[in-house]
Amino acid sequence: MKHKPLREQIIVITGASSGIGLATARMAAQRGARVVLAARSEEALAKAAAEFGPRATYVVADVGRREDVQAIADHAVTTFGGFDTWVNVAGLTVYGPLREIEPEDHERLIRTNLWGTVYGSLIAAEHLRERGGAIINLGSIASDLAFPFQGLYATSKHAVKGFTDTLRMELRAEGAPVSVTLVKPASIDTPLPNRARNYMDREPTLPPPIYPPQEVANAILHAAVHPQRDIFVGGGGKLFVMGKEFAPGAYDELAPAIIALQKRSEPPRNPEGALHAPRAAGRERGDPPVYVMRTSAYTRATLHPLATAGLAAGLAATAALVLGGRHTGRRS
C-alpha cells in the first residue's frame, strides 16, 4: 500500500504541543503537508500554528474524552475537507513504584495513553475507510519491555500494541484501504520526564541511549507515505527487545539498574507534572544529563526495504554473538 505524497496530505497529530508531536508537526509543515494540531495547551498550539502559517490549524482537546477526539476530526473536515493521515502521539508517564501510585494517577495515564489512541484510531478509521490513508500510533519499546518505576506506562504501551495489531487485522479483513503502523521509539530527548507525575525522591530521566525527536518524526512521516507494520526508532532499543526475548530472566535481573538509570542526581523539580493539567508545553527537546545520539542508523536503514533484510540479519548475528559468547573469527 502506498499513499499520497506528503506535500498533498492533510495530517492530524495529537499531542502536538510538545516533544514528538510538535517535532512531527513541524517537519510535516516544512515538507509541505497541511497539519491539524491537537493537544490540551492552547497557548502552545496557537504559537505552533502561527509559526507554520495558513497550512496549519489547531484544536484544543483532551484525547481521553471521545467527544474531544471527534471534535478534532470534525475540525479537520470543516477546515481542510478531511484528512489523509491520523497520528496518535499524545501520552504521559508516571514515575514510581506501582504500590505507591494513587489510583487516579493510574486511571488518568491509561485514559490518555490507551483510550486516546483507541478513540483516535476508531474515529480516523471511519473517515479513512472510503478515502484511504494511514493511521500511525506511537507505541514504545515499552510495548515489548517492562520498565520498573514506569509500570503503568509500560502497561499502556503493551495495550496500544495489542489494540493496533487487532485494528490492522480487522481493516485488512474487510479490505479497507487503510494502513496501520506502530512506531516504537527507544528513549527520546523530549520533555516527557520533565512533564511526568513523579513519586520518586529524584528528578526523573530516561535510560540511554537517547535519540532526537526528529528521528521519530521522520519515521512517522515515512509511514504516512510508505506504510510499514512496525518501526523501531533507535537501534539500542531494538537490541534491548531482542535481548529480552532471548533471555527474559536475565532482563528481569536488570531491574535495580533500570531503576537507577531513571533517576537524576537532583531532587524533584515539579512532581505534579502535566498528568492532570497541561504544563510546560511548547518544547520539542528535554534536558537529559547524558549524550543524545545525532541519528539512528538502524532506523534510517529500516525505512528502506532493500536494506532491512540485511540489517535484520546483522542484528540477529550480533545479538547471538553477544548473548552466546561466541566469536566466529571472520571479518566482514
Protein backbone atom coordinates (compact mmCIF):
# COMPACT_ATOMS: atom_id res chain seq x y z
CA MET A 1 0.00 0.00 0.00
CA LYS A 2 1.26 3.47 -0.91
CA HIS A 3 -0.35 6.77 -0.05
CA LYS A 4 -0.28 10.32 -1.40
CA PRO A 5 2.99 12.28 -1.40
CA LEU A 6 3.42 14.14 1.87
CA ARG A 7 3.01 17.56 0.24
CA GLU A 8 -0.52 16.56 -0.84
CA GLN A 9 -1.59 15.24 2.54
CA ILE A 10 -3.61 16.59 5.44
CA ILE A 11 -2.23 15.16 8.68
CA VAL A 12 -3.87 15.15 12.12
CA ILE A 13 -1.41 14.97 15.03
CA THR A 14 -2.46 14.61 18.65
CA GLY A 15 -0.04 15.56 21.43
CA ALA A 16 1.22 18.27 19.09
CA SER A 17 2.10 20.83 21.76
CA SER A 18 5.48 19.32 22.71
CA GLY A 19 8.00 16.56 22.14
CA ILE A 20 7.49 14.08 19.32
CA GLY A 21 4.10 15.52 18.37
CA LEU A 22 5.48 19.03 17.94
CA ALA A 23 8.55 17.77 16.07
CA THR A 24 6.34 15.75 13.71
CA ALA A 25 4.02 18.69 13.06
CA ARG A 26 6.95 20.99 12.34
CA MET A 27 8.61 18.50 9.97
CA ALA A 28 5.32 17.79 8.19
CA ALA A 29 4.65 21.50 7.65
CA GLN A 30 8.19 22.03 6.39
CA ARG A 31 7.68 19.22 3.86
CA GLY A 32 4.51 20.81 2.51
CA ALA A 33 1.73 18.96 4.30
CA ARG A 34 -1.26 20.67 5.87
CA VAL A 35 -1.49 19.88 9.56
CA VAL A 36 -4.21 19.75 12.21
CA LEU A 37 -2.66 20.12 15.66
CA ALA A 38 -4.39 18.86 18.79
CA ALA A 39 -3.41 18.98 22.48
CA ARG A 40 -4.60 20.42 25.79
CA SER A 41 -2.37 23.53 25.77
CA GLU A 42 -3.95 26.27 23.66
CA GLU A 43 -1.04 28.66 24.10
CA ALA A 44 1.50 26.17 22.70
CA LEU A 45 -0.81 25.15 19.85
CA ALA A 46 -1.52 28.74 18.83
CA LYS A 47 2.19 29.53 18.78
CA ALA A 48 2.97 26.49 16.63
CA ALA A 49 0.10 27.17 14.21
CA ALA A 50 1.27 30.77 13.81
CA GLU A 51 4.77 29.52 13.01
CA PHE A 52 3.50 27.06 10.39
CA GLY A 53 1.23 29.59 8.66
CA PRO A 54 -2.04 29.04 6.77
CA ARG A 55 -1.31 25.34 6.20
CA ALA A 56 -1.88 24.71 9.92
CA THR A 57 -4.86 24.78 12.23
CA TYR A 58 -5.39 23.58 15.79
CA VAL A 59 -7.96 22.19 18.21
CA VAL A 60 -7.72 22.27 22.00
CA ALA A 61 -8.63 18.73 23.03
CA ASP A 62 -8.19 16.14 25.75
CA VAL A 63 -7.80 12.83 23.91
CA GLY A 64 -9.09 10.96 26.96
CA ARG A 65 -12.55 12.30 26.06
CA ARG A 66 -14.13 10.76 22.97
CA GLU A 67 -16.15 13.89 22.21
CA ASP A 68 -12.94 15.92 22.12
CA VAL A 69 -11.35 13.49 19.67
CA GLN A 70 -14.44 13.62 17.46
CA ALA A 71 -14.15 17.42 17.51
CA ILE A 72 -10.60 17.11 16.11
CA ALA A 73 -11.88 15.07 13.16
CA ASP A 74 -14.82 17.43 12.62
CA HIS A 75 -12.47 20.43 12.60
CA ALA A 76 -10.22 18.77 10.02
CA VAL A 77 -13.23 18.15 7.77
CA THR A 78 -14.55 21.67 8.19
CA THR A 79 -11.18 23.36 7.65
CA PHE A 80 -9.46 21.19 5.04
CA GLY A 81 -12.19 18.87 3.77
CA GLY A 82 -10.88 15.83 5.64
CA PHE A 83 -7.56 14.18 6.40
CA ASP A 84 -5.26 11.52 4.95
CA THR A 85 -3.15 10.51 7.95
CA TRP A 86 -4.00 10.43 11.65
CA VAL A 87 -1.10 10.25 14.13
CA ASN A 88 -1.79 9.36 17.77
CA VAL A 89 1.13 10.77 19.76
CA ALA A 90 -0.47 12.14 22.94
CA GLY A 91 0.94 10.41 26.01
CA LEU A 92 2.31 10.91 29.51
CA THR A 93 4.08 8.85 32.14
CA VAL A 94 4.25 8.37 35.90
CA TYR A 95 7.47 7.53 37.77
CA GLY A 96 7.39 5.50 40.96
CA PRO A 97 6.69 2.06 42.48
CA LEU A 98 3.32 0.64 41.48
CA ARG A 99 2.24 0.23 45.12
CA GLU A 100 2.72 3.96 45.85
CA ILE A 101 0.88 5.48 42.90
CA GLU A 102 -2.60 6.84 43.52
CA PRO A 103 -5.42 5.13 41.57
CA GLU A 104 -6.50 8.41 39.97
CA ASP A 105 -2.99 8.84 38.51
CA HIS A 106 -3.06 5.31 37.09
CA GLU A 107 -6.50 5.96 35.61
CA ARG A 108 -5.51 9.29 34.06
CA LEU A 109 -2.45 7.77 32.40
CA ILE A 110 -4.45 4.90 30.88
CA ARG A 111 -7.17 7.29 29.74
CA THR A 112 -4.64 9.41 27.84
CA ASN A 113 -2.20 6.81 26.53
CA LEU A 114 -4.60 3.98 25.71
CA TRP A 115 -8.08 5.44 25.34
CA GLY A 116 -6.73 8.46 23.46
CA THR A 117 -5.18 6.07 20.94
CA VAL A 118 -8.33 3.93 20.75
CA TYR A 119 -10.64 6.90 20.22
CA GLY A 120 -8.32 8.49 17.65
CA SER A 121 -7.83 5.28 15.70
CA LEU A 122 -11.50 4.31 15.53
CA ILE A 123 -12.67 7.78 14.58
CA ALA A 124 -9.91 8.06 11.95
CA ALA A 125 -10.75 4.62 10.53
CA GLU A 126 -14.37 5.65 9.94
CA HIS A 127 -13.22 8.62 7.88
CA LEU A 128 -10.47 6.76 6.01
CA ARG A 129 -12.43 3.65 5.03
CA GLU A 130 -13.71 5.38 1.89
CA ARG A 131 -10.93 7.90 1.36
CA GLY A 132 -7.93 5.67 2.14
CA GLY A 133 -4.98 6.73 4.26
CA ALA A 134 -2.82 5.93 7.26
CA ILE A 135 -3.27 5.52 11.00
CA ILE A 136 0.01 5.78 12.90
CA ASN A 137 0.14 5.01 16.62
CA LEU A 138 3.01 5.84 18.92
CA GLY A 139 3.97 2.84 20.96
CA SER A 140 7.38 2.41 22.58
CA ILE A 141 9.98 -0.23 23.21
CA ALA A 142 7.86 -0.40 26.38
CA SER A 143 5.29 -2.09 24.11
CA ASP A 144 7.63 -5.11 24.32
CA LEU A 145 9.55 -4.46 27.55
CA ALA A 146 8.59 -3.80 31.17
CA PHE A 147 10.13 -0.80 32.93
CA PRO A 148 10.10 -0.83 36.75
CA PHE A 149 9.05 2.56 38.14
CA GLN A 150 7.16 3.21 34.87
CA GLY A 151 4.85 0.24 35.26
CA LEU A 152 1.58 1.76 34.05
CA TYR A 153 3.34 3.48 31.14
CA ALA A 154 4.62 0.06 30.01
CA THR A 155 1.15 -1.38 30.62
CA SER A 156 -0.45 1.28 28.42
CA LYS A 157 2.08 0.75 25.62
CA HIS A 158 1.58 -3.04 25.71
CA ALA A 159 -2.13 -2.36 25.36
CA VAL A 160 -1.58 0.08 22.49
CA LYS A 161 0.35 -2.62 20.65
CA GLY A 162 -2.43 -5.19 21.14
CA PHE A 163 -5.08 -2.73 20.00
CA THR A 164 -3.06 -1.57 16.98
CA ASP A 165 -2.36 -5.13 15.81
CA THR A 166 -6.04 -6.05 16.15
CA LEU A 167 -7.24 -2.94 14.29
CA ARG A 168 -4.79 -3.65 11.44
CA MET A 169 -6.07 -7.21 11.09
CA GLU A 170 -9.72 -6.16 11.08
CA LEU A 171 -9.17 -3.44 8.48
CA ARG A 172 -7.32 -5.92 6.26
CA ALA A 173 -10.09 -8.49 6.65
CA GLU A 174 -12.65 -6.02 5.35
CA GLY A 175 -10.37 -4.79 2.55
CA ALA A 176 -10.22 -1.20 3.80
CA PRO A 177 -7.50 0.90 2.08
CA VAL A 178 -6.07 1.96 5.44
CA SER A 179 -2.56 1.20 6.68
CA VAL A 180 -1.89 0.88 10.40
CA THR A 181 1.64 1.42 11.72
CA LEU A 182 3.02 1.14 15.25
CA VAL A 183 6.11 3.27 15.88
CA LYS A 184 8.20 2.06 18.83
CA PRO A 185 10.80 4.60 19.97
CA ALA A 186 13.57 3.94 22.45
CA SER A 187 14.46 6.79 24.84
CA ILE A 188 13.84 10.10 23.04
CA ASP A 189 15.05 13.56 24.03
CA THR A 190 11.68 15.16 24.77
CA PRO A 191 10.18 16.88 27.86
CA LEU A 192 8.39 13.62 28.80
CA PRO A 193 10.34 13.14 32.09
CA ASN A 194 10.02 16.84 32.95
CA ARG A 195 6.24 16.67 32.50
CA ALA A 196 5.77 13.33 34.29
CA ARG A 197 3.96 12.76 37.57
CA ASN A 198 6.83 11.83 39.85
CA TYR A 199 6.70 9.82 43.10
CA MET A 200 10.48 9.32 43.30
CA ASP A 201 12.89 11.24 45.52
CA ARG A 202 14.92 12.29 42.47
CA GLU A 203 14.21 14.13 39.23
CA PRO A 204 13.36 11.53 36.55
CA THR A 205 15.24 10.92 33.33
CA LEU A 206 15.37 8.36 30.53
CA PRO A 207 17.86 5.49 30.29
CA PRO A 208 20.45 5.78 27.48
CA PRO A 209 20.93 5.59 24.58
CA ILE A 210 18.76 8.63 23.85
CA TYR A 211 17.78 9.74 20.33
CA PRO A 212 16.46 13.08 18.99
CA PRO A 213 12.70 13.51 18.40
CA GLN A 214 13.33 14.26 14.72
CA GLU A 215 14.21 10.58 14.21
CA VAL A 216 10.72 9.61 15.36
CA ALA A 217 9.10 12.37 13.30
CA ASN A 218 10.93 11.19 10.19
CA ALA A 219 9.76 7.60 10.79
CA ILE A 220 6.16 8.72 11.29
CA LEU A 221 6.11 10.77 8.09
CA HIS A 222 7.75 7.96 6.15
CA ALA A 223 4.94 5.64 7.28
CA ALA A 224 2.37 8.21 6.14
CA VAL A 225 3.52 7.59 2.54
CA HIS A 226 5.26 4.18 2.64
CA PRO A 227 3.50 2.15 5.36
CA GLN A 228 5.36 -0.35 7.48
CA ARG A 229 3.84 -2.60 10.11
CA ASP A 230 6.22 -1.64 12.94
CA ILE A 231 9.12 0.80 13.10
CA PHE A 232 11.65 0.75 15.93
CA VAL A 233 13.33 4.12 16.44
CA GLY A 234 16.78 3.57 17.89
CA GLY A 235 18.93 0.52 17.34
CA GLY A 236 19.73 0.41 21.05
CA GLY A 237 16.06 -0.12 21.84
CA LYS A 238 15.78 -2.89 19.26
CA LEU A 239 18.74 -4.70 20.82
CA PHE A 240 17.15 -4.42 24.29
CA VAL A 241 13.96 -6.03 22.96
CA MET A 242 15.90 -8.80 21.22
CA GLY A 243 17.93 -9.45 24.37
CA LYS A 244 14.79 -9.73 26.48
CA GLU A 245 13.30 -12.21 24.01
CA PHE A 246 16.45 -14.35 24.16
CA ALA A 247 16.88 -14.15 27.93
CA PRO A 248 13.78 -12.82 29.75
CA GLY A 249 15.02 -13.97 33.16
CA ALA A 250 18.29 -12.10 32.71
CA TYR A 251 16.35 -8.97 31.77
CA ASP A 252 14.32 -9.24 34.98
CA GLU A 253 17.56 -9.21 36.97
CA LEU A 254 18.36 -5.78 35.49
CA ALA A 255 15.53 -4.13 37.49
CA PRO A 256 17.80 -2.32 40.03
CA ALA A 257 19.98 -0.95 37.23
CA ILE A 258 16.97 0.18 35.18
CA ILE A 259 15.52 1.97 38.21
CA ALA A 260 18.84 3.73 38.87
CA LEU A 261 19.12 4.83 35.22
CA GLN A 262 15.76 6.61 35.52
CA LYS A 263 16.93 8.88 38.35
CA ARG A 264 18.96 12.07 38.11
CA SER A 265 21.11 13.31 40.96
CA GLU A 266 18.94 16.32 41.88
CA PRO A 267 15.64 16.38 43.82
CA PRO A 268 12.27 16.55 42.00
CA ARG A 269 11.56 19.85 40.22
CA ASN A 270 7.83 19.52 39.55
CA PRO A 271 6.47 16.25 40.93
CA GLU A 272 2.86 17.01 39.93
CA GLY A 273 3.85 17.19 36.26
CA ALA A 274 1.33 17.60 33.45
CA LEU A 275 -0.67 14.44 34.08
CA HIS A 276 -3.89 16.18 35.13
CA ALA A 277 -3.37 19.65 33.62
CA PRO A 278 -1.25 20.99 30.73
CA ARG A 279 2.08 22.37 31.92
CA ALA A 280 5.48 23.10 30.40
CA ALA A 281 4.27 22.62 26.81
CA GLY A 282 5.83 24.15 23.71
CA ARG A 283 9.26 22.45 23.60
CA GLU A 284 10.48 19.62 21.40
CA ARG A 285 13.53 18.71 23.46
CA GLY A 286 14.19 17.98 27.12
CA ASP A 287 17.42 18.33 29.09
CA PRO A 288 18.83 14.83 29.59
CA PRO A 289 22.04 14.64 31.64
CA VAL A 290 23.70 12.29 29.13
CA TYR A 291 24.76 12.42 25.50
CA VAL A 292 21.98 12.41 22.86
CA MET A 293 22.65 10.47 19.67
CA ARG A 294 22.54 12.55 16.49
CA THR A 295 20.67 9.95 14.41
CA SER A 296 19.76 6.27 14.37
CA ALA A 297 21.48 4.46 11.51
CA TYR A 298 19.40 1.39 12.31
CA THR A 299 16.10 3.26 11.93
CA ARG A 300 17.18 5.05 8.75
CA ALA A 301 18.06 1.67 7.24
CA THR A 302 14.76 0.02 8.18
CA LEU A 303 12.85 2.72 6.31
CA HIS A 304 14.34 1.40 3.06
CA PRO A 305 13.11 -2.14 2.27
CA LEU A 306 16.23 -3.31 0.40
CA ALA A 307 18.36 -2.61 3.45
CA THR A 308 16.02 -4.10 6.03
CA ALA A 309 16.65 -7.81 5.45
CA GLY A 310 20.41 -7.45 5.59
CA LEU A 311 20.28 -5.22 8.65
CA ALA A 312 17.96 -7.61 10.49
CA ALA A 313 20.30 -10.48 9.74
CA GLY A 314 23.25 -8.43 11.01
CA LEU A 315 21.44 -7.51 14.23
CA ALA A 316 20.44 -11.13 14.81
CA ALA A 317 24.01 -12.31 14.29
CA THR A 318 25.35 -9.60 16.61
CA ALA A 319 22.84 -10.46 19.33
CA ALA A 320 23.66 -14.16 19.02
CA LEU A 321 27.37 -13.46 19.41
CA VAL A 322 26.87 -11.19 22.40
CA LEU A 323 24.43 -13.47 24.20
CA GLY A 324 26.16 -16.71 23.26
CA GLY A 325 29.69 -15.50 23.95
CA ARG A 326 30.92 -16.92 20.64
CA HIS A 327 33.40 -15.44 18.20
CA THR A 328 33.48 -16.57 14.60
CA GLY A 329 36.82 -15.02 13.69
CA ARG A 330 35.51 -13.91 10.32
CA ARG A 331 35.91 -10.36 9.05
CA SER A 332 33.23 -8.51 7.13
